[in-house]
C-alpha atoms as a PDB file:
ATOM      1  CA  MET A   1      16.743   3.450   8.921  1.00  0.00           C
ATOM      2  CA  SER A   2      14.963   2.012   5.880  1.00  0.00           C
ATOM      3  CA  ASN A   3      16.973   0.229   3.186  1.00  0.00           C
ATOM      4  CA  ILE A   4      14.350   0.869   0.462  1.00  0.00           C
ATOM      5  CA  LYS A   5      16.181   2.700  -2.296  1.00  0.00           C
ATOM      6  CA  LYS A   6      15.092   1.485  -5.745  1.00  0.00           C
ATOM      7  CA  PHE A   7      12.110   0.698  -7.953  1.00  0.00           C
ATOM      8  CA  ILE A   8      11.154  -2.120 -10.294  1.00  0.00           C
ATOM      9  CA  ILE A   9       8.380  -1.415 -12.812  1.00  0.00           C
ATOM     10  CA  PHE A  10       6.634  -4.584 -13.993  1.00  0.00           C
ATOM     11  CA  SER A  11       5.808  -3.694 -17.582  1.00  0.00           C
ATOM     12  CA  PRO A  12       5.224  -5.157 -21.035  1.00  0.00           C
ATOM     13  CA  SER A  13       7.577  -4.415 -23.904  1.00  0.00           C
ATOM     14  CA  TYR A  14       7.329  -0.864 -25.240  1.00  0.00           C
ATOM     15  CA  ASN A  15       4.385  -0.388 -27.585  1.00  0.00           C
ATOM     16  CA  GLU A  16       3.617   3.058 -28.999  1.00  0.00           C
ATOM     17  CA  LYS A  17      -0.042   2.036 -29.462  1.00  0.00           C
ATOM     18  CA  SER A  18      -0.631   1.205 -25.786  1.00  0.00           C
ATOM     19  CA  GLY A  19      -1.085   4.163 -23.459  1.00  0.00           C
ATOM     20  CA  GLY A  20      -0.693   1.983 -20.371  1.00  0.00           C
ATOM     21  CA  VAL A  21       2.624   0.559 -21.517  1.00  0.00           C
ATOM     22  CA  ILE A  22       3.913   3.998 -22.514  1.00  0.00           C
ATOM     23  CA  VAL A  23       3.299   5.492 -19.086  1.00  0.00           C
ATOM     24  CA  LEU A  24       4.836   2.492 -17.281  1.00  0.00           C
ATOM     25  CA  HIS A  25       8.048   3.060 -19.244  1.00  0.00           C
ATOM     26  CA  LYS A  26       7.745   6.831 -18.727  1.00  0.00           C
ATOM     27  CA  LEU A  27       7.387   6.321 -14.964  1.00  0.00           C
ATOM     28  CA  CYS A  28      10.654   4.403 -14.928  1.00  0.00           C
ATOM     29  CA  HIS A  29      12.298   7.172 -16.952  1.00  0.00           C
ATOM     30  CA  LEU A  30      11.073   9.988 -14.693  1.00  0.00           C
ATOM     31  CA  ILE A  31      12.150   8.211 -11.500  1.00  0.00           C
ATOM     32  CA  ASN A  32      15.649   7.959 -12.965  1.00  0.00           C
ATOM     33  CA  GLU A  33      15.508  11.575 -14.158  1.00  0.00           C
ATOM     34  CA  LEU A  34      14.800  12.601 -10.557  1.00  0.00           C
ATOM     35  CA  GLY A  35      18.018  10.934  -9.419  1.00  0.00           C
ATOM     36  CA  TYR A  36      16.611   7.692  -8.021  1.00  0.00           C
ATOM     37  CA  LYS A  37      17.118   4.175  -9.394  1.00  0.00           C
ATOM     38  CA  ALA A  38      14.386   2.439 -11.383  1.00  0.00           C
ATOM     39  CA  TYR A  39      14.322  -0.583 -13.687  1.00  0.00           C
ATOM     40  CA  LEU A  40      11.836  -2.309 -15.970  1.00  0.00           C
ATOM     41  CA  TYR A  41      11.064  -5.963 -15.339  1.00  0.00           C
ATOM     42  CA  PRO A  42       9.587  -7.769 -18.386  1.00  0.00           C
ATOM     43  CA  TYR A  43       5.902  -8.379 -17.823  1.00  0.00           C
ATOM     44  CA  PHE A  44       4.392 -11.846 -17.994  1.00  0.00           C
ATOM     45  CA  GLU A  45       0.766 -12.871 -17.705  1.00  0.00           C
ATOM     46  CA  THR A  46      -0.606 -13.773 -14.295  1.00  0.00           C
ATOM     47  CA  TYR A  47      -3.333 -16.379 -14.032  1.00  0.00           C
ATOM     48  CA  ASP A  48      -6.030 -17.569 -11.691  1.00  0.00           C
ATOM     49  CA  LEU A  49      -4.520 -21.029 -11.217  1.00  0.00           C
ATOM     50  CA  ASN A  50      -6.740 -24.045 -10.548  1.00  0.00           C
ATOM     51  CA  LYS A  51      -6.562 -27.817 -11.041  1.00  0.00           C
ATOM     52  CA  ASN A  52      -8.308 -27.604 -14.408  1.00  0.00           C
ATOM     53  CA  ASN A  53      -5.805 -25.245 -16.028  1.00  0.00           C
ATOM     54  CA  ALA A  54      -2.564 -25.982 -14.163  1.00  0.00           C
ATOM     55  CA  LEU A  55      -0.586 -27.587 -17.015  1.00  0.00           C
ATOM     56  CA  LYS A  56      -1.783 -25.140 -19.659  1.00  0.00           C
ATOM     57  CA  THR A  57      -1.041 -22.212 -17.375  1.00  0.00           C
ATOM     58  CA  ALA A  58       2.462 -23.492 -16.562  1.00  0.00           C
ATOM     59  CA  LEU A  59       3.326 -23.799 -20.263  1.00  0.00           C
ATOM     60  CA  ARG A  60       1.976 -20.316 -21.029  1.00  0.00           C
ATOM     61  CA  LEU A  61       3.917 -18.905 -18.084  1.00  0.00           C
ATOM     62  CA  ILE A  62       7.196 -20.418 -19.294  1.00  0.00           C
ATOM     63  CA  LYS A  63       6.611 -19.015 -22.770  1.00  0.00           C
ATOM     64  CA  ASP A  64       5.726 -15.551 -21.432  1.00  0.00           C
ATOM     65  CA  CYS A  65       8.625 -15.400 -18.966  1.00  0.00           C
ATOM     66  CA  TRP A  66      11.467 -16.737 -21.063  1.00  0.00           C
ATOM     67  CA  VAL A  67      10.526 -16.417 -24.704  1.00  0.00           C
ATOM     68  CA  ASN A  68       8.241 -13.439 -25.314  1.00  0.00           C
ATOM     69  CA  SER A  69       9.301 -11.159 -22.471  1.00  0.00           C
ATOM     70  CA  ARG A  70      13.049 -11.732 -22.439  1.00  0.00           C
ATOM     71  CA  PHE A  71      13.999 -11.982 -26.085  1.00  0.00           C
ATOM     72  CA  ASN A  72      11.545  -9.609 -27.746  1.00  0.00           C
ATOM     73  CA  TYR A  73      11.535  -6.840 -25.167  1.00  0.00           C
ATOM     74  CA  LYS A  74      11.510  -3.354 -26.665  1.00  0.00           C
ATOM     75  CA  LEU A  75      12.431  -0.024 -25.086  1.00  0.00           C
ATOM     76  CA  ASN A  76      11.860   3.603 -26.005  1.00  0.00           C
ATOM     77  CA  THR A  77      15.406   4.732 -26.700  1.00  0.00           C
ATOM     78  CA  ALA A  78      14.493   8.304 -25.722  1.00  0.00           C
ATOM     79  CA  PHE A  79      13.810   7.123 -22.160  1.00  0.00           C
ATOM     80  CA  THR A  80      16.237   6.263 -19.395  1.00  0.00           C
ATOM     81  CA  SER A  81      14.575   2.947 -18.597  1.00  0.00           C
ATOM     82  CA  PRO A  82      17.035   0.066 -18.123  1.00  0.00           C
ATOM     83  CA  ILE A  83      15.900  -3.558 -17.897  1.00  0.00           C
ATOM     84  CA  PHE A  84      16.378  -5.321 -14.566  1.00  0.00           C
ATOM     85  CA  LYS A  85      18.856  -8.075 -15.445  1.00  0.00           C
ATOM     86  CA  GLU A  86      19.763  -9.582 -12.078  1.00  0.00           C
ATOM     87  CA  LYS A  87      18.233 -12.800 -10.819  1.00  0.00           C
ATOM     88  CA  LEU A  88      15.552 -12.114  -8.241  1.00  0.00           C
ATOM     89  CA  ASN A  89      16.825 -14.819  -5.899  1.00  0.00           C
ATOM     90  CA  GLN A  90      20.232 -13.129  -5.820  1.00  0.00           C
ATOM     91  CA  VAL A  91      19.107  -9.652  -4.737  1.00  0.00           C
ATOM     92  CA  ASP A  92      17.555  -8.278  -1.580  1.00  0.00           C
ATOM     93  CA  LEU A  93      14.052  -7.374  -2.752  1.00  0.00           C
ATOM     94  CA  SER A  94      13.429  -5.459   0.465  1.00  0.00           C
ATOM     95  CA  GLU A  95      15.556  -2.717  -1.116  1.00  0.00           C
ATOM     96  CA  PHE A  96      13.017  -2.318  -3.931  1.00  0.00           C
ATOM     97  CA  ILE A  97       9.480  -1.071  -4.397  1.00  0.00           C
ATOM     98  CA  VAL A  98       7.774  -3.037  -7.160  1.00  0.00           C
ATOM     99  CA  VAL A  99       5.124  -1.238  -9.226  1.00  0.00           C
ATOM    100  CA  TYR A 100       2.424  -3.416 -10.790  1.00  0.00           C
ATOM    101  CA  PRO A 101      -0.313  -2.140 -13.123  1.00  0.00           C
ATOM    102  CA  GLU A 102      -3.823  -2.949 -11.913  1.00  0.00           C
ATOM    103  CA  ILE A 103      -4.211  -5.883 -14.334  1.00  0.00           C
ATOM    104  CA  VAL A 104      -1.618  -8.003 -12.491  1.00  0.00           C
ATOM    105  CA  LEU A 105      -3.045 -10.716 -10.256  1.00  0.00           C
ATOM    106  CA  GLY A 106      -1.215 -11.233  -6.980  1.00  0.00           C
ATOM    107  CA  ASN A 107       2.484 -10.544  -6.485  1.00  0.00           C
ATOM    108  CA  PRO A 108       4.366 -12.520  -9.150  1.00  0.00           C
ATOM    109  CA  LEU A 109       7.799 -11.200  -8.124  1.00  0.00           C
ATOM    110  CA  ASN A 110       7.093 -11.988  -4.458  1.00  0.00           C
ATOM    111  CA  ALA A 111       8.079  -8.459  -3.489  1.00  0.00           C
ATOM    112  CA  PRO A 112       7.659  -7.224   0.105  1.00  0.00           C
ATOM    113  CA  ASN A 113       6.903  -3.640  -1.027  1.00  0.00           C
ATOM    114  CA  VAL A 114       4.173  -3.354  -3.648  1.00  0.00           C
ATOM    115  CA  VAL A 115       2.616  -0.358  -5.384  1.00  0.00           C
ATOM    116  CA  ARG A 116      -0.485  -1.024  -7.470  1.00  0.00           C
ATOM    117  CA  TRP A 117      -0.962   1.618 -10.182  1.00  0.00           C
ATOM    118  CA  LEU A 118      -4.597   1.805 -11.275  1.00  0.00           C
ATOM    119  CA  LEU A 119      -4.313   2.696 -14.959  1.00  0.00           C
ATOM    120  CA  HIS A 120      -7.882   1.509 -15.559  1.00  0.00           C
ATOM    121  CA  GLN A 121     -10.783   0.403 -13.380  1.00  0.00           C
ATOM    122  CA  PRO A 122      -9.610  -2.587 -11.303  1.00  0.00           C
ATOM    123  CA  GLY A 123     -11.021  -5.798 -12.751  1.00  0.00           C
ATOM    124  CA  TYR A 124     -12.032  -4.153 -16.034  1.00  0.00           C
ATOM    125  CA  HIS A 125     -10.043  -6.488 -18.277  1.00  0.00           C
ATOM    126  CA  SER A 126     -10.455  -9.818 -16.480  1.00  0.00           C
ATOM    127  CA  ASN A 127     -13.313  -9.289 -13.997  1.00  0.00           C
ATOM    128  CA  LYS A 128     -10.841 -10.412 -11.331  1.00  0.00           C
ATOM    129  CA  ILE A 129      -9.086  -8.475  -8.578  1.00  0.00           C
ATOM    130  CA  PHE A 130      -6.427 -10.209  -6.514  1.00  0.00           C
ATOM    131  CA  TYR A 131      -4.107  -7.844  -4.686  1.00  0.00           C
ATOM    132  CA  GLY A 132      -2.261  -8.195  -1.366  1.00  0.00           C
ATOM    133  CA  LYS A 133      -1.944  -6.719   2.110  1.00  0.00           C
ATOM    134  CA  ASN A 134       0.028  -3.565   2.865  1.00  0.00           C
ATOM    135  CA  GLU A 135       0.040  -2.398  -0.728  1.00  0.00           C
ATOM    136  CA  LEU A 136       0.024   1.271  -1.696  1.00  0.00           C
ATOM    137  CA  LEU A 137      -2.450   2.050  -4.486  1.00  0.00           C
ATOM    138  CA  PHE A 138      -2.429   5.067  -6.803  1.00  0.00           C
ATOM    139  CA  LYS A 139      -5.164   6.143  -9.210  1.00  0.00           C
ATOM    140  CA  PHE A 140      -3.957   7.402 -12.590  1.00  0.00           C
ATOM    141  CA  ASN A 141      -6.504  10.214 -12.890  1.00  0.00           C
ATOM    142  CA  SER A 142     -10.046  11.327 -12.135  1.00  0.00           C
ATOM    143  CA  ALA A 143     -11.526   8.758 -14.543  1.00  0.00           C
ATOM    144  CA  ILE A 144     -10.659   5.924 -12.150  1.00  0.00           C
ATOM    145  CA  ASP A 145     -13.476   5.213  -9.718  1.00  0.00           C
ATOM    146  CA  ASP A 146     -12.817   5.495  -5.998  1.00  0.00           C
ATOM    147  CA  PHE A 147     -11.421   2.135  -4.961  1.00  0.00           C
ATOM    148  CA  TYR A 148     -10.502   0.558  -1.644  1.00  0.00           C
ATOM    149  CA  TYR A 149      -8.827  -2.745  -0.894  1.00  0.00           C
ATOM    150  CA  GLN A 150      -8.757  -4.340   2.530  1.00  0.00           C
ATOM    151  CA  ASP A 151      -5.491  -3.953   4.461  1.00  0.00           C
ATOM    152  CA  SER A 152      -4.014  -1.596   1.842  1.00  0.00           C
ATOM    153  CA  LYS A 153      -3.868   2.172   1.409  1.00  0.00           C
ATOM    154  CA  VAL A 154      -5.190   4.190  -1.518  1.00  0.00           C
ATOM    155  CA  SER A 155      -3.206   7.399  -1.942  1.00  0.00           C
ATOM    156  CA  THR A 156      -4.981  10.721  -2.389  1.00  0.00           C
ATOM    157  CA  LEU A 157      -2.329  11.603  -4.988  1.00  0.00           C
ATOM    158  CA  GLU A 158      -3.256  10.979  -8.616  1.00  0.00           C
ATOM    159  CA  LEU A 159      -0.156   9.522 -10.241  1.00  0.00           C
ATOM    160  CA  LYS A 160      -0.815  10.991 -13.673  1.00  0.00           C
ATOM    161  CA  VAL A 161       2.127  10.491 -16.015  1.00  0.00           C
ATOM    162  CA  ILE A 162       1.761  11.779 -19.554  1.00  0.00           C
ATOM    163  CA  HIS A 163       3.729  11.217 -22.730  1.00  0.00           C
ATOM    164  CA  TYR A 164       2.203  12.680 -25.880  1.00  0.00           C
ATOM    165  CA  PRO A 165       3.931  12.178 -29.264  1.00  0.00           C
ATOM    166  CA  LEU A 166       3.454  15.795 -30.292  1.00  0.00           C
ATOM    167  CA  GLU A 167       5.943  15.370 -33.111  1.00  0.00           C
ATOM    168  CA  HIS A 168       3.163  13.526 -34.951  1.00  0.00           C
ATOM    169  CA  TYR A 169      -0.023  15.290 -33.905  1.00  0.00           C
ATOM    170  CA  ASP A 170       0.702  18.944 -33.223  1.00  0.00           C
ATOM    171  CA  THR A 171      -0.253  19.945 -36.759  1.00  0.00           C
ATOM    172  CA  VAL A 172      -3.344  22.169 -36.442  1.00  0.00           C
ATOM    173  CA  ALA A 173      -1.758  25.420 -37.617  1.00  0.00           C
ATOM    174  CA  GLU A 174      -0.357  23.990 -40.832  1.00  0.00           C
ATOM    175  CA  ASN A 175      -3.612  22.232 -41.745  1.00  0.00           C
ATOM    176  CA  ASN A 176      -6.285  24.813 -40.929  1.00  0.00           C
ATOM    177  CA  SER A 177      -6.735  25.691 -44.597  1.00  0.00           C
ATOM    178  CA  LEU A 178      -7.286  22.098 -45.749  1.00  0.00           C
ATOM    179  CA  ILE A 179     -10.717  20.897 -46.802  1.00  0.00           C
ATOM    180  CA  ARG A 180     -11.484  17.903 -44.635  1.00  0.00           C
ATOM    181  CA  LYS A 181     -13.907  15.113 -45.404  1.00  0.00           C
ATOM    182  CA  GLY A 182     -14.923  11.741 -44.049  1.00  0.00           C
ATOM    183  CA  SER A 183     -14.083  10.340 -40.661  1.00  0.00           C
ATOM    184  CA  ALA A 184     -11.830   8.021 -38.710  1.00  0.00           C
ATOM    185  CA  TYR A 185     -12.704   5.796 -35.788  1.00  0.00           C
ATOM    186  CA  CYS A 186     -11.271   3.381 -33.276  1.00  0.00           C
ATOM    187  CA  ILE A 187     -12.769   0.490 -31.310  1.00  0.00           C
ATOM    188  CA  ARG A 188      -9.962  -0.580 -28.949  1.00  0.00           C
ATOM    189  CA  LYS A 189     -11.514  -1.167 -25.494  1.00  0.00           C
ATOM    190  CA  GLY A 190     -14.970  -0.310 -26.859  1.00  0.00           C
ATOM    191  CA  LYS A 191     -15.348  -3.742 -28.439  1.00  0.00           C
ATOM    192  CA  GLY A 192     -18.966  -4.857 -28.578  1.00  0.00           C
ATOM    193  CA  LYS A 193     -20.497  -1.386 -28.726  1.00  0.00           C
ATOM    194  CA  GLU A 194     -23.084  -0.615 -31.356  1.00  0.00           C
ATOM    195  CA  ILE A 195     -21.617   1.419 -34.210  1.00  0.00           C
ATOM    196  CA  GLN A 196     -23.182   4.876 -34.120  1.00  0.00           C
ATOM    197  CA  HIS A 197     -21.591   6.619 -37.079  1.00  0.00           C
ATOM    198  CA  ASP A 198     -21.647   6.142 -40.848  1.00  0.00           C
ATOM    199  CA  LEU A 199     -18.894   3.703 -41.817  1.00  0.00           C
ATOM    200  CA  ASP A 200     -18.876   4.918 -45.437  1.00  0.00           C
ATOM    201  CA  ASP A 201     -15.667   6.869 -46.018  1.00  0.00           C
ATOM    202  CA  SER A 202     -14.560   6.119 -42.432  1.00  0.00           C
ATOM    203  CA  ILE A 203     -11.089   4.778 -41.639  1.00  0.00           C
ATOM    204  CA  LYS A 204     -10.417   2.426 -38.727  1.00  0.00           C
ATOM    205  CA  ILE A 205      -7.127   3.349 -37.037  1.00  0.00           C
ATOM    206  CA  ASP A 206      -6.758   0.546 -34.476  1.00  0.00           C
ATOM    207  CA  LEU A 207      -3.829  -1.210 -36.175  1.00  0.00           C
ATOM    208  CA  LEU A 208      -2.081   1.860 -37.562  1.00  0.00           C
ATOM    209  CA  SER A 209       1.175   3.423 -36.335  1.00  0.00           C
ATOM    210  CA  HIS A 210       1.238   6.967 -34.941  1.00  0.00           C
ATOM    211  CA  LYS A 211       2.693   8.194 -38.206  1.00  0.00           C
ATOM    212  CA  GLU A 212      -0.138   6.577 -40.157  1.00  0.00           C
ATOM    213  CA  VAL A 213      -2.838   7.770 -37.745  1.00  0.00           C
ATOM    214  CA  ALA A 214      -1.507  11.331 -37.903  1.00  0.00           C
ATOM    215  CA  ALA A 215      -1.744  11.265 -41.701  1.00  0.00           C
ATOM    216  CA  VAL A 216      -5.384  10.182 -41.423  1.00  0.00           C
ATOM    217  CA  PHE A 217      -6.202  12.825 -38.801  1.00  0.00           C
ATOM    218  CA  ARG A 218      -4.804  15.557 -41.046  1.00  0.00           C
ATOM    219  CA  ARG A 219      -7.441  14.962 -43.707  1.00  0.00           C
ATOM    220  CA  VAL A 220     -10.646  13.743 -41.987  1.00  0.00           C
ATOM    221  CA  GLU A 221     -13.268  15.956 -40.374  1.00  0.00           C
ATOM    222  CA  TYR A 222     -14.456  13.692 -37.555  1.00  0.00           C
ATOM    223  CA  PHE A 223     -12.938  11.125 -35.220  1.00  0.00           C
ATOM    224  CA  TYR A 224     -15.188   8.709 -33.347  1.00  0.00           C
ATOM    225  CA  SER A 225     -13.779   6.741 -30.427  1.00  0.00           C
ATOM    226  CA  TYR A 226     -15.712   3.785 -29.034  1.00  0.00           C
ATOM    227  CA  ASP A 227     -13.013   3.506 -26.374  1.00  0.00           C
ATOM    228  CA  VAL A 228     -13.881   6.226 -23.865  1.00  0.00           C
ATOM    229  CA  TYR A 229     -10.377   6.503 -22.383  1.00  0.00           C
ATOM    230  CA  THR A 230      -7.929   6.499 -25.267  1.00  0.00           C
ATOM    231  CA  ALA A 231      -5.466   9.340 -25.850  1.00  0.00           C
ATOM    232  CA  TYR A 232      -6.286   9.178 -29.551  1.00  0.00           C
ATOM    233  CA  SER A 233      -9.280  11.399 -28.782  1.00  0.00           C
ATOM    234  CA  ILE A 234      -6.820  14.118 -27.737  1.00  0.00           C
ATOM    235  CA  PHE A 235      -4.509  13.416 -30.674  1.00  0.00           C
ATOM    236  CA  ALA A 236      -7.462  13.998 -32.996  1.00  0.00           C
ATOM    237  CA  VAL A 237      -8.152  17.388 -31.408  1.00  0.00           C
ATOM    238  CA  LEU A 238      -4.512  18.391 -31.756  1.00  0.00           C
ATOM    239  CA  SER A 239      -4.695  17.455 -35.432  1.00  0.00           C
ATOM    240  CA  GLY A 240      -7.749  19.603 -36.098  1.00  0.00           C
ATOM    241  CA  CYS A 241     -10.455  16.895 -36.079  1.00  0.00           C
ATOM    242  CA  LYS A 242     -13.798  17.111 -34.341  1.00  0.00           C
ATOM    243  CA  SER A 243     -13.266  14.454 -31.695  1.00  0.00           C
ATOM    244  CA  ILE A 244     -16.262  12.471 -30.448  1.00  0.00           C
ATOM    245  CA  VAL A 245     -16.325   9.802 -27.746  1.00  0.00           C
ATOM    246  CA  ILE A 246     -19.208   7.333 -27.933  1.00  0.00           C
ATOM    247  CA  PRO A 247     -20.395   7.049 -24.299  1.00  0.00           C
ATOM    248  CA  ASP A 248     -20.708   3.830 -22.371  1.00  0.00           C
ATOM    249  CA  LYS A 249     -24.276   3.013 -21.384  1.00  0.00           C
ATOM    250  CA  GLY A 250     -25.336   4.608 -18.114  1.00  0.00           C
ATOM    251  CA  VAL A 251     -22.133   6.651 -17.764  1.00  0.00           C
ATOM    252  CA  THR A 252     -22.722  10.401 -17.523  1.00  0.00           C
ATOM    253  CA  ILE A 253     -20.213  13.001 -18.623  1.00  0.00           C
ATOM    254  CA  ASP A 254     -19.344  13.697 -14.966  1.00  0.00           C
ATOM    255  CA  ASP A 255     -18.881   9.970 -14.355  1.00  0.00           C
ATOM    256  CA  TRP A 256     -16.650   9.780 -17.434  1.00  0.00           C
ATOM    257  CA  TYR A 257     -14.250  12.523 -16.343  1.00  0.00           C
ATOM    258  CA  PRO A 258     -15.158  14.334 -13.095  1.00  0.00           C
ATOM    259  CA  ASN A 259     -12.372  16.838 -13.800  1.00  0.00           C
ATOM    260  CA  LYS A 260     -13.613  19.169 -16.561  1.00  0.00           C
ATOM    261  CA  GLU A 261     -10.092  19.887 -17.770  1.00  0.00           C
ATOM    262  CA  ASP A 262      -9.732  16.208 -18.738  1.00  0.00           C
ATOM    263  CA  ARG A 263     -12.606  16.699 -21.220  1.00  0.00           C
ATOM    264  CA  TYR A 264     -11.258  19.735 -23.060  1.00  0.00           C
ATOM    265  CA  GLY A 265     -11.915  19.620 -26.808  1.00  0.00           C
ATOM    266  CA  ILE A 266     -13.736  16.277 -26.769  1.00  0.00           C
ATOM    267  CA  SER A 267     -17.438  15.790 -27.439  1.00  0.00           C
ATOM    268  CA  TYR A 268     -18.999  13.224 -25.105  1.00  0.00           C
ATOM    269  CA  GLY A 269     -21.554  11.876 -27.533  1.00  0.00           C
ATOM    270  CA  ILE A 270     -22.482  13.121 -30.961  1.00  0.00           C
ATOM    271  CA  ASN A 271     -24.656  15.955 -29.625  1.00  0.00           C
ATOM    272  CA  ASP A 272     -22.006  17.646 -27.468  1.00  0.00           C
ATOM    273  CA  LEU A 273     -19.848  19.111 -30.250  1.00  0.00           C
ATOM    274  CA  SER A 274     -20.774  22.743 -29.545  1.00  0.00           C
ATOM    275  CA  ASN A 275     -19.501  22.461 -25.964  1.00  0.00           C
ATOM    276  CA  ALA A 276     -16.336  20.682 -27.088  1.00  0.00           C
ATOM    277  CA  ASP A 277     -15.608  23.461 -29.604  1.00  0.00           C
ATOM    278  CA  LYS A 278     -15.527  26.021 -26.800  1.00  0.00           C
ATOM    279  CA  THR A 279     -12.507  24.363 -25.179  1.00  0.00           C
ATOM    280  CA  VAL A 280     -10.518  23.207 -28.226  1.00  0.00           C
ATOM    281  CA  LYS A 281      -8.112  26.153 -27.886  1.00  0.00           C
ATOM    282  CA  LEU A 282      -7.320  25.111 -24.305  1.00  0.00           C
ATOM    283  CA  VAL A 283      -6.140  21.623 -25.235  1.00  0.00           C
ATOM    284  CA  LYS A 284      -2.547  22.409 -26.258  1.00  0.00           C
ATOM    285  CA  ASN A 285      -1.693  24.283 -23.054  1.00  0.00           C
ATOM    286  CA  ARG A 286      -3.435  21.595 -21.026  1.00  0.00           C
ATOM    287  CA  ILE A 287      -1.207  18.988 -22.675  1.00  0.00           C
ATOM    288  CA  LEU A 288       1.967  20.949 -22.023  1.00  0.00           C
ATOM    289  CA  ASP A 289       0.975  21.514 -18.391  1.00  0.00           C
ATOM    290  CA  GLU A 290       0.320  17.810 -17.918  1.00  0.00           C
ATOM    291  CA  GLU A 291       3.702  16.914 -19.387  1.00  0.00           C
ATOM    292  CA  ALA A 292       5.364  19.333 -16.966  1.00  0.00           C
ATOM    293  CA  ASN A 293       3.291  18.124 -14.023  1.00  0.00           C
ATOM    294  CA  SER A 294       4.210  14.493 -14.650  1.00  0.00           C
ATOM    295  CA  LYS A 295       7.658  14.926 -13.134  1.00  0.00           C
ATOM    296  CA  SER A 296       6.207  16.695 -10.103  1.00  0.00           C
ATOM    297  CA  ASN A 297       3.634  13.917  -9.656  1.00  0.00           C
ATOM    298  CA  VAL A 298       6.350  11.279  -9.780  1.00  0.00           C
ATOM    299  CA  SER A 299       8.473  13.171  -7.258  1.00  0.00           C
ATOM    300  CA  LYS A 300       5.556  13.237  -4.811  1.00  0.00           C
ATOM    301  CA  PHE A 301       4.883   9.557  -5.528  1.00  0.00           C
ATOM    302  CA  VAL A 302       8.464   8.543  -4.714  1.00  0.00           C
ATOM    303  CA  ILE A 303       8.435  10.390  -1.391  1.00  0.00           C
ATOM    304  CA  GLU A 304       5.053   8.946  -0.378  1.00  0.00           C
ATOM    305  CA  ALA A 305       6.104   5.416  -1.366  1.00  0.00           C
ATOM    306  CA  PHE A 306       9.367   5.638   0.593  1.00  0.00           C
ATOM    307  CA  ASP A 307       7.533   6.943   3.671  1.00  0.00           C
ATOM    308  CA  PHE A 308       4.758   4.340   3.473  1.00  0.00           C
ATOM    309  CA  PHE A 309       7.007   1.305   3.104  1.00  0.00           C
ATOM    310  CA  SER A 310       9.482   2.587   5.686  1.00  0.00           C
ATOM    311  CA  PHE A 311       6.568   2.695   8.122  1.00  0.00           C
ATOM    312  CA  ILE A 312       5.468  -0.822   7.110  1.00  0.00           C
ATOM    313  CA  GLU A 313       9.044  -2.063   7.429  1.00  0.00           C
ATOM    314  CA  ASN A 314       9.309  -0.680  10.955  1.00  0.00           C
ATOM    315  CA  LYS A 315       6.057  -2.422  11.892  1.00  0.00           C
ATOM    316  CA  ARG A 316       7.483  -5.728  10.698  1.00  0.00           C
ATOM    317  CA  LEU A 317      10.597  -5.380  12.870  1.00  0.00           C
END
């Protein structure tokens, strides 16, 4: 019988501006809500080590591991997401499944059971992919390209976990009568793209808090996102803005989000606003359904992960 019983989520400190970090913490919370045991392990950078950067990398690693991650680690107090406080060399890691986001190189915790959660296209941030054998990989949603890694399994389940701060952005009804003007925009992961809207009377939201962004969204008419996969495009719709994503070159609307429901209310390009308007009224229910489905998705994930690593464990014996 398998002894795999618990989860460790390798995650950065909580940051309300980072969708990836939010869902890592939410995953930990939902696993615990389902009656299992899950913990957060403070994230530290992983590096492609070579003789030319060994000393510099070692110093950065020490700083990340013991200064930044341990002493400045933040949690969402509304979540049940405890920090893993035991020393790794004093626990039996075979009892745990460790979940790494796709940006992590290798297996820094040296865990025997590894899940790789593809929150973005593998290699997008660093142009490097270094995973391991016998890992179980999950795509976040339909926006992630089909991906295969030798000697590992890619699940057919989309592990979509949603957490929307509706307390800030669900304000359409109370603001329908306002006269809106100007625009807002974000760059985020769209850095380097050519600006395609008029920057006069346009507010950049990249460094603002949710409270500040919501105040902006309540008064502007348009929101332009140069990051094609940020939740701020949805937040803008919920706040009554006309939400426009500036496409990546060569990426069609079906490449962007194959699932039409993922595009509700958002114009893919400046000339798609009429189509986006037709689905604006569907956005709120879509959001609520996704929130509800998150727990179901996590339940299915837990069962599949237990079954997969129990099978791998039996093969090792």
